[in-house]
Amino acid sequence: MGMSDYVSGLRHRIGHHFLLMPTVAAIVRDDSGRILLVQGVEGPWQLPGGAVDPDERPEDALQRECREEANAIVRPVRLLAAVGGPSIGTRTRTGTRSASWSAFTRRSFSAVS
């Protein structure tokens, strides 16, 4: 999924200047221990995840992103890590750098019908 209206509005106001955004990423395992990956907007395979919208709880953002990107319903089980800083952040083509909040989910996931 592309950039949200919120982020698009911020980018319209500040251009490609530094923008720190809270993000989430999920480690979703199936019963065989395989980890769910999705193909990112810019090409490489990655964990499902994305930006936390204004007034959204991180665990709700995690569930929404898994549903949007992988058609998977997940339930966050525990926080794995809260990380950030220059060695962790990523930069997109637009100059956005983000910090991550990651969580384990239940071992199995089911498709949205």
Protein backbone atom coordinates (compact mmCIF):
# COMPACT_ATOMS: atom_id res chain seq x y z
CA MET A 1 0.00 0.00 0.00
CA GLY A 2 1.22 3.50 -0.73
CA MET A 3 1.66 6.57 1.41
CA SER A 4 -1.26 7.52 3.69
CA ASP A 5 -3.09 10.81 3.25
CA TYR A 6 -1.55 11.98 6.53
CA VAL A 7 2.05 11.34 5.42
CA SER A 8 1.31 12.69 1.95
CA GLY A 9 0.06 15.92 3.56
CA LEU A 10 3.20 16.19 5.69
CA ARG A 11 5.40 15.60 2.64
CA HIS A 12 3.49 18.30 0.76
CA ARG A 13 4.31 20.75 3.57
CA ILE A 14 7.95 19.86 4.27
CA GLY A 15 9.12 18.32 1.00
CA HIS A 16 11.96 15.83 1.36
CA HIS A 17 13.28 17.17 4.67
CA PHE A 18 13.89 14.74 7.51
CA LEU A 19 10.69 13.19 8.88
CA LEU A 20 10.73 10.79 11.81
CA MET A 21 7.68 8.50 11.82
CA PRO A 22 6.63 5.77 14.25
CA THR A 23 6.32 2.46 12.43
CA VAL A 24 5.48 -1.14 13.24
CA ALA A 25 6.68 -4.48 11.86
CA ALA A 26 5.33 -7.95 12.59
CA ILE A 27 7.11 -11.28 12.80
CA VAL A 28 4.37 -13.73 11.86
CA ARG A 29 5.19 -17.45 11.96
CA ASP A 30 3.09 -20.32 10.67
CA ASP A 31 2.90 -23.77 12.30
CA SER A 32 6.03 -24.84 10.37
CA GLY A 33 8.02 -21.88 11.71
CA ARG A 34 8.13 -20.04 8.37
CA ILE A 35 8.11 -16.23 8.62
CA LEU A 36 5.63 -14.21 6.57
CA LEU A 37 7.27 -11.70 4.20
CA VAL A 38 5.65 -9.21 1.83
CA GLN A 39 7.12 -7.49 -1.19
CA GLY A 40 7.69 -3.84 -0.31
CA VAL A 41 6.63 -0.84 -2.38
CA GLU A 42 10.27 -0.24 -3.34
CA GLY A 43 10.92 -3.89 -4.24
CA PRO A 44 12.70 -5.88 -1.51
CA TRP A 45 10.93 -8.51 0.60
CA GLN A 46 10.26 -7.39 4.16
CA LEU A 47 8.21 -8.02 7.26
CA PRO A 48 4.63 -6.71 7.02
CA GLY A 49 4.37 -3.31 8.65
CA GLY A 50 4.21 0.40 8.13
CA ALA A 51 3.41 3.77 9.67
CA VAL A 52 1.29 4.27 12.77
CA ASP A 53 -1.53 6.68 11.91
CA PRO A 54 -2.38 9.63 14.19
CA ASP A 55 -4.33 8.48 17.28
CA GLU A 56 -3.72 4.81 16.41
CA ARG A 57 -2.31 2.35 18.95
CA PRO A 58 0.81 0.52 17.70
CA GLU A 59 -0.85 -2.89 18.12
CA ASP A 60 -3.83 -1.70 16.04
CA ALA A 61 -1.45 -0.42 13.35
CA LEU A 62 0.31 -3.80 13.36
CA GLN A 63 -2.97 -5.62 12.81
CA ARG A 64 -4.08 -3.17 10.10
CA GLU A 65 -0.79 -3.40 8.21
CA CYS A 66 -0.85 -7.23 8.25
CA ARG A 67 -4.42 -7.17 6.95
CA GLU A 68 -3.64 -4.61 4.22
CA GLU A 69 -0.33 -6.06 3.05
CA ALA A 70 -0.80 -9.81 3.50
CA ASN A 71 -4.54 -10.33 3.94
CA ALA A 72 -3.64 -11.87 7.32
CA ILE A 73 -5.43 -11.52 10.64
CA VAL A 74 -2.92 -11.47 13.50
CA ARG A 75 -2.99 -10.99 17.25
CA PRO A 76 0.10 -9.36 18.78
CA VAL A 77 1.47 -11.56 21.56
CA ARG A 78 4.44 -9.63 22.90
CA LEU A 79 6.72 -6.75 22.13
CA LEU A 80 9.98 -8.01 20.68
CA ALA A 81 11.85 -4.70 20.52
CA ALA A 82 11.46 -0.96 20.30
CA VAL A 83 14.35 0.34 18.24
CA GLY A 84 15.46 3.52 16.55
CA GLY A 85 18.44 5.75 15.94
CA PRO A 86 20.70 6.32 12.95
CA SER A 87 21.94 2.72 12.75
CA ILE A 88 18.39 1.31 12.68
CA GLY A 89 16.42 3.79 10.60
CA THR A 90 15.73 3.41 6.92
CA ARG A 91 15.57 6.01 4.18
CA THR A 92 13.08 5.81 1.35
CA ARG A 93 13.29 7.49 -2.03
CA THR A 94 11.41 10.46 -0.54
CA GLY A 95 13.90 10.89 2.31
CA THR A 96 11.67 9.50 5.05
CA ARG A 97 13.56 7.87 7.90
CA SER A 98 11.65 5.73 10.38
CA ALA A 99 12.05 4.00 13.72
CA SER A 100 10.47 0.59 14.31
CA TRP A 101 8.29 -1.13 16.87
CA SER A 102 8.23 -4.88 16.32
CA ALA A 103 6.09 -7.59 17.86
CA PHE A 104 5.67 -11.33 17.71
CA THR A 105 2.23 -12.52 16.71
CA ARG A 106 0.55 -15.82 17.31
CA ARG A 107 2.21 -18.68 15.44
CA SER A 108 -0.56 -19.08 12.92
CA PHE A 109 -2.43 -16.57 10.86
CA SER A 110 -5.60 -16.79 8.82
CA ALA A 111 -6.66 -15.09 5.63
CA VAL A 112 -9.34 -12.44 5.67
CA SER A 113 -12.42 -13.76 3.88
